[in-house]
C-alpha atoms as a PDB file:
ATOM      1  CA  MET A   1     133.874 144.894  54.902  1.00  0.00           C
ATOM      2  CA  ASP A   2     130.537 143.059  54.662  1.00  0.00           C
ATOM      3  CA  ASN A   3     128.962 146.140  53.016  1.00  0.00           C
ATOM      4  CA  LEU A   4     130.307 145.323  49.514  1.00  0.00           C
ATOM      5  CA  GLU A   5     127.496 145.312  46.967  1.00  0.00           C
ATOM      6  CA  LYS A   6     126.937 141.823  45.600  1.00  0.00           C
ATOM      7  CA  LYS A   7     124.984 141.056  42.448  1.00  0.00           C
ATOM      8  CA  TRP A   8     123.679 137.780  41.079  1.00  0.00           C
ATOM      9  CA  TYR A   9     125.535 136.299  38.097  1.00  0.00           C
ATOM     10  CA  VAL A  10     125.211 133.091  36.119  1.00  0.00           C
ATOM     11  CA  LEU A  11     128.215 130.774  35.809  1.00  0.00           C
ATOM     12  CA  LYS A  12     128.473 128.474  32.810  1.00  0.00           C
ATOM     13  CA  THR A  13     129.717 125.079  33.987  1.00  0.00           C
ATOM     14  CA  ILE A  14     130.310 121.651  32.568  1.00  0.00           C
ATOM     15  CA  SER A  15     126.894 119.982  32.435  1.00  0.00           C
ATOM     16  CA  GLY A  16     126.500 117.420  35.191  1.00  0.00           C
ATOM     17  CA  LYS A  17     129.156 119.070  37.399  1.00  0.00           C
ATOM     18  CA  GLU A  18     126.947 121.807  38.886  1.00  0.00           C
ATOM     19  CA  LYS A  19     126.857 120.369  42.421  1.00  0.00           C
ATOM     20  CA  LYS A  20     130.634 119.788  42.392  1.00  0.00           C
ATOM     21  CA  VAL A  21     131.241 123.372  41.246  1.00  0.00           C
ATOM     22  CA  LYS A  22     129.009 124.645  44.059  1.00  0.00           C
ATOM     23  CA  SER A  23     130.959 122.535  46.547  1.00  0.00           C
ATOM     24  CA  TYR A  24     134.335 123.803  45.235  1.00  0.00           C
ATOM     25  CA  ILE A  25     133.172 127.430  45.433  1.00  0.00           C
ATOM     26  CA  GLU A  26     131.906 126.968  48.998  1.00  0.00           C
ATOM     27  CA  ASN A  27     135.287 125.458  49.938  1.00  0.00           C
ATOM     28  CA  GLU A  28     137.090 128.466  48.371  1.00  0.00           C
ATOM     29  CA  ILE A  29     134.872 130.833  50.387  1.00  0.00           C
ATOM     30  CA  ARG A  30     135.605 128.956  53.600  1.00  0.00           C
ATOM     31  CA  ASP A  31     139.335 128.344  53.051  1.00  0.00           C
ATOM     32  CA  ASN A  32     140.410 131.626  51.449  1.00  0.00           C
ATOM     33  CA  GLY A  33     138.186 134.137  53.240  1.00  0.00           C
ATOM     34  CA  PHE A  34     135.981 135.340  50.370  1.00  0.00           C
ATOM     35  CA  LYS A  35     132.910 135.686  52.615  1.00  0.00           C
ATOM     36  CA  ASP A  36     132.871 139.444  52.006  1.00  0.00           C
ATOM     37  CA  TYR A  37     132.920 139.066  48.215  1.00  0.00           C
ATOM     38  CA  ILE A  38     130.781 135.964  47.637  1.00  0.00           C
ATOM     39  CA  GLY A  39     127.290 135.473  49.030  1.00  0.00           C
ATOM     40  CA  LYS A  40     125.071 132.575  48.060  1.00  0.00           C
ATOM     41  CA  VAL A  41     125.827 129.876  45.498  1.00  0.00           C
ATOM     42  CA  LEU A  42     122.736 128.156  44.090  1.00  0.00           C
ATOM     43  CA  VAL A  43     122.067 125.151  41.897  1.00  0.00           C
ATOM     44  CA  PRO A  44     118.275 125.099  41.356  1.00  0.00           C
ATOM     45  CA  ILE A  45     117.039 121.552  41.980  1.00  0.00           C
ATOM     46  CA  GLU A  46     113.702 120.033  40.978  1.00  0.00           C
ATOM     47  CA  LYS A  47     112.251 116.996  42.747  1.00  0.00           C
ATOM     48  CA  VAL A  48     111.271 114.301  40.246  1.00  0.00           C
ATOM     49  CA  ILE A  49     109.566 110.932  40.668  1.00  0.00           C
ATOM     50  CA  GLN A  50     110.760 108.205  38.300  1.00  0.00           C
ATOM     51  CA  MET A  51     109.609 104.625  37.850  1.00  0.00           C
ATOM     52  CA  ARG A  52     112.408 102.036  37.828  1.00  0.00           C
ATOM     53  CA  LYS A  53     111.707  98.302  37.888  1.00  0.00           C
ATOM     54  CA  GLY A  54     108.166  99.005  39.072  1.00  0.00           C
ATOM     55  CA  LYS A  55     109.279 101.143  42.032  1.00  0.00           C
ATOM     56  CA  ARG A  56     108.882 104.871  42.540  1.00  0.00           C
ATOM     57  CA  ILE A  57     112.193 106.642  43.008  1.00  0.00           C
ATOM     58  CA  HIS A  58     112.415 110.225  44.270  1.00  0.00           C
ATOM     59  CA  ARG A  59     115.302 111.996  42.567  1.00  0.00           C
ATOM     60  CA  ASP A  60     116.740 115.506  42.509  1.00  0.00           C
ATOM     61  CA  LYS A  61     117.222 116.906  39.018  1.00  0.00           C
ATOM     62  CA  VAL A  62     119.181 120.064  38.167  1.00  0.00           C
ATOM     63  CA  TYR A  63     116.650 122.585  36.833  1.00  0.00           C
ATOM     64  CA  TYR A  64     119.165 124.535  34.691  1.00  0.00           C
ATOM     65  CA  PRO A  65     121.777 121.993  33.510  1.00  0.00           C
ATOM     66  CA  GLY A  66     125.174 123.605  32.925  1.00  0.00           C
ATOM     67  CA  TYR A  67     124.492 126.706  35.030  1.00  0.00           C
ATOM     68  CA  VAL A  68     125.162 127.794  38.624  1.00  0.00           C
ATOM     69  CA  MET A  69     123.818 131.046  40.098  1.00  0.00           C
ATOM     70  CA  ILE A  70     126.196 133.007  42.331  1.00  0.00           C
ATOM     71  CA  GLU A  71     125.865 136.185  44.382  1.00  0.00           C
ATOM     72  CA  ILE A  72     129.243 137.925  44.111  1.00  0.00           C
ATOM     73  CA  ASN A  73     131.062 141.251  44.049  1.00  0.00           C
ATOM     74  CA  LEU A  74     133.342 141.021  41.005  1.00  0.00           C
ATOM     75  CA  ASP A  75     135.856 143.560  42.374  1.00  0.00           C
ATOM     76  CA  GLY A  76     139.076 142.042  43.624  1.00  0.00           C
ATOM     77  CA  GLU A  77     140.355 138.568  42.961  1.00  0.00           C
ATOM     78  CA  ALA A  78     137.135 136.685  43.835  1.00  0.00           C
ATOM     79  CA  ALA A  79     136.038 136.599  40.170  1.00  0.00           C
ATOM     80  CA  HIS A  80     139.443 135.281  39.104  1.00  0.00           C
ATOM     81  CA  VAL A  81     139.309 132.544  41.747  1.00  0.00           C
ATOM     82  CA  ILE A  82     135.779 131.539  40.658  1.00  0.00           C
ATOM     83  CA  LYS A  83     136.827 131.315  36.979  1.00  0.00           C
ATOM     84  CA  ASN A  84     139.629 128.919  37.967  1.00  0.00           C
ATOM     85  CA  VAL A  85     137.371 126.522  39.875  1.00  0.00           C
ATOM     86  CA  PRO A  86     137.369 123.082  38.182  1.00  0.00           C
ATOM     87  CA  GLY A  87     134.256 122.679  36.029  1.00  0.00           C
ATOM     88  CA  VAL A  88     133.612 126.420  35.570  1.00  0.00           C
ATOM     89  CA  ILE A  89     133.670 127.597  31.958  1.00  0.00           C
ATOM     90  CA  ASN A  90     133.026 131.325  32.492  1.00  0.00           C
ATOM     91  CA  PHE A  91     130.518 133.915  33.644  1.00  0.00           C
ATOM     92  CA  LEU A  92     127.537 134.405  31.340  1.00  0.00           C
ATOM     93  CA  SER A  93     128.417 137.478  29.250  1.00  0.00           C
ATOM     94  CA  GLU A  94     127.369 139.320  26.080  1.00  0.00           C
ATOM     95  CA  GLY A  95     130.165 138.226  23.793  1.00  0.00           C
ATOM     96  CA  LYS A  96     133.244 136.033  23.783  1.00  0.00           C
ATOM     97  CA  LYS A  97     135.363 138.627  25.592  1.00  0.00           C
ATOM     98  CA  GLY A  98     132.488 140.632  27.111  1.00  0.00           C
ATOM     99  CA  SER A  99     132.163 141.384  30.791  1.00  0.00           C
ATOM    100  CA  ALA A 100     129.833 139.365  33.023  1.00  0.00           C
ATOM    101  CA  ILE A 101     126.212 140.489  32.976  1.00  0.00           C
ATOM    102  CA  PRO A 102     124.409 140.655  36.325  1.00  0.00           C
ATOM    103  CA  MET A 103     120.913 139.183  36.502  1.00  0.00           C
ATOM    104  CA  ARG A 104     117.987 141.615  36.609  1.00  0.00           C
ATOM    105  CA  LYS A 105     116.115 141.984  39.899  1.00  0.00           C
ATOM    106  CA  GLU A 106     112.982 140.349  38.404  1.00  0.00           C
ATOM    107  CA  GLU A 107     115.044 137.355  37.245  1.00  0.00           C
ATOM    108  CA  VAL A 108     116.589 136.952  40.699  1.00  0.00           C
ATOM    109  CA  ASN A 109     113.206 137.137  42.438  1.00  0.00           C
ATOM    110  CA  LYS A 110     111.719 134.689  39.945  1.00  0.00           C
ATOM    111  CA  MET A 111     114.685 132.321  40.339  1.00  0.00           C
ATOM    112  CA  LEU A 112     114.598 132.439  44.153  1.00  0.00           C
ATOM    113  CA  GLY A 113     110.824 131.980  44.126  1.00  0.00           C
ATOM    114  CA  LYS A 114     111.169 129.124  41.628  1.00  0.00           C
ATOM    115  CA  ILE A 115     113.755 127.377  43.802  1.00  0.00           C
ATOM    116  CA  ASP A 116     111.430 127.573  46.816  1.00  0.00           C
ATOM    117  CA  GLN A 117     108.558 126.294  44.701  1.00  0.00           C
ATOM    118  CA  LEU A 118     110.591 123.406  43.242  1.00  0.00           C
ATOM    119  CA  SER A 119     111.916 122.228  46.589  1.00  0.00           C
ATOM    120  CA  GLU A 120     108.452 121.950  48.155  1.00  0.00           C
ATOM    121  CA  THR A 121     107.059 118.483  48.673  1.00  0.00           C
ATOM    122  CA  TYR A 122     104.705 116.920  46.167  1.00  0.00           C
ATOM    123  CA  GLU A 123     101.810 116.437  48.572  1.00  0.00           C
ATOM    124  CA  ASN A 124     100.896 120.110  49.135  1.00  0.00           C
ATOM    125  CA  ILE A 125      99.548 120.534  45.599  1.00  0.00           C
ATOM    126  CA  SER A 126      95.779 120.134  45.483  1.00  0.00           C
ATOM    127  CA  ILE A 127      94.167 118.202  42.650  1.00  0.00           C
ATOM    128  CA  PRO A 128      91.681 120.383  40.768  1.00  0.00           C
ATOM    129  CA  PHE A 129      89.952 117.484  38.972  1.00  0.00           C
ATOM    130  CA  LEU A 130      87.232 114.969  39.909  1.00  0.00           C
ATOM    131  CA  VAL A 131      86.460 111.448  38.650  1.00  0.00           C
ATOM    132  CA  GLY A 132      83.709 111.597  35.993  1.00  0.00           C
ATOM    133  CA  GLU A 133      84.535 115.171  35.031  1.00  0.00           C
ATOM    134  CA  THR A 134      84.774 116.017  31.317  1.00  0.00           C
ATOM    135  CA  ILE A 135      88.059 117.626  30.309  1.00  0.00           C
ATOM    136  CA  LYS A 136      89.902 118.736  27.179  1.00  0.00           C
ATOM    137  CA  VAL A 137      93.371 117.445  26.226  1.00  0.00           C
ATOM    138  CA  ILE A 138      95.656 120.434  25.489  1.00  0.00           C
ATOM    139  CA  ASP A 139      99.037 118.736  25.001  1.00  0.00           C
ATOM    140  CA  GLY A 140     100.367 115.645  23.272  1.00  0.00           C
ATOM    141  CA  PRO A 141      99.147 113.597  20.296  1.00  0.00           C
ATOM    142  CA  PHE A 142      95.509 113.713  21.450  1.00  0.00           C
ATOM    143  CA  SER A 143      95.447 117.516  21.751  1.00  0.00           C
ATOM    144  CA  GLY A 144      91.970 118.905  21.074  1.00  0.00           C
ATOM    145  CA  PHE A 145      90.093 115.744  22.136  1.00  0.00           C
ATOM    146  CA  ASN A 146      87.582 115.745  24.987  1.00  0.00           C
ATOM    147  CA  GLY A 147      87.572 112.949  27.553  1.00  0.00           C
ATOM    148  CA  THR A 148      86.128 111.737  30.830  1.00  0.00           C
ATOM    149  CA  ILE A 149      88.300 111.188  33.906  1.00  0.00           C
ATOM    150  CA  GLU A 150      88.203 107.522  34.977  1.00  0.00           C
ATOM    151  CA  LYS A 151      90.874 107.476  37.709  1.00  0.00           C
ATOM    152  CA  ILE A 152      93.183 109.949  39.512  1.00  0.00           C
ATOM    153  CA  ASN A 153      96.661 108.737  40.537  1.00  0.00           C
ATOM    154  CA  GLU A 154      97.888 111.287  43.095  1.00  0.00           C
ATOM    155  CA  GLU A 155     101.342 109.734  43.614  1.00  0.00           C
ATOM    156  CA  LYS A 156     102.269 109.791  39.926  1.00  0.00           C
ATOM    157  CA  ARG A 157     100.436 113.103  39.419  1.00  0.00           C
ATOM    158  CA  LYS A 158      98.578 111.544  36.471  1.00  0.00           C
ATOM    159  CA  LEU A 159      95.010 110.983  35.357  1.00  0.00           C
ATOM    160  CA  GLU A 160      93.525 108.025  33.553  1.00  0.00           C
ATOM    161  CA  LEU A 161      90.818 109.103  31.164  1.00  0.00           C
ATOM    162  CA  SER A 162      88.852 107.742  28.238  1.00  0.00           C
ATOM    163  CA  VAL A 163      88.646 109.615  24.956  1.00  0.00           C
ATOM    164  CA  LEU A 164      86.261 108.882  22.077  1.00  0.00           C
ATOM    165  CA  ILE A 165      88.327 108.259  18.939  1.00  0.00           C
ATOM    166  CA  PHE A 166      86.506 107.021  15.834  1.00  0.00           C
ATOM    167  CA  GLY A 167      83.521 106.099  18.005  1.00  0.00           C
ATOM    168  CA  ARG A 168      85.593 103.928  20.372  1.00  0.00           C
ATOM    169  CA  LYS A 169      86.597 104.659  23.934  1.00  0.00           C
ATOM    170  CA  THR A 170      90.393 104.819  24.144  1.00  0.00           C
ATOM    171  CA  PRO A 171      92.122 104.878  27.555  1.00  0.00           C
ATOM    172  CA  LEU A 172      94.859 107.502  28.100  1.00  0.00           C
ATOM    173  CA  GLU A 173      97.189 108.349  30.976  1.00  0.00           C
ATOM    174  CA  LEU A 174      98.140 112.042  31.076  1.00  0.00           C
ATOM    175  CA  ASN A 175      99.774 114.550  33.433  1.00  0.00           C
ATOM    176  CA  PHE A 176      97.685 117.244  35.105  1.00  0.00           C
ATOM    177  CA  THR A 177      99.443 119.818  32.924  1.00  0.00           C
ATOM    178  CA  GLN A 178      98.277 118.160  29.693  1.00  0.00           C
ATOM    179  CA  ILE A 179      94.582 118.755  30.318  1.00  0.00           C
ATOM    180  CA  GLU A 180      92.220 121.574  31.208  1.00  0.00           C
ATOM    181  CA  LYS A 181      88.641 121.858  32.427  1.00  0.00           C
ATOM    182  CA  ILE A 182      85.961 122.604  29.852  1.00  0.00           C
END
């Protein structure tokens, strides 16, 4: 019976309860024998570094708050069981009473690729900038200004640079994504 066609759907959940919903669904699969109807259950997670009391804290952050991705065949009572899981609001659908819409193949591939990309460690990303290099700020309040890189902080993934504003050098700390090479 493992040959049932499963499609990816998006479940709307109570925000902040995504991991609990995933756990409940996995328990339902295990306890009630829905292995043939339900495949993978995913909560895309992003690794984030935060500063608290001067210390770096690695934390997992839900990439799509309020949503859980599930591979399921909606025939049978599996869909009904999923809708009754605590924390689940409903399947993502077209209207209030519309039927659940499966994700497109491109969306699934992008999502699965994105999850792999997000769960990678921070260290494998190379730094494309050098100290002393002139760059252009493309995001934030200093957008459009040119500056010179003074320091690169690899752990925080930030750059310290100086920008000429009204003839004075002003120090800035920006993310790699907020600047581009000239």
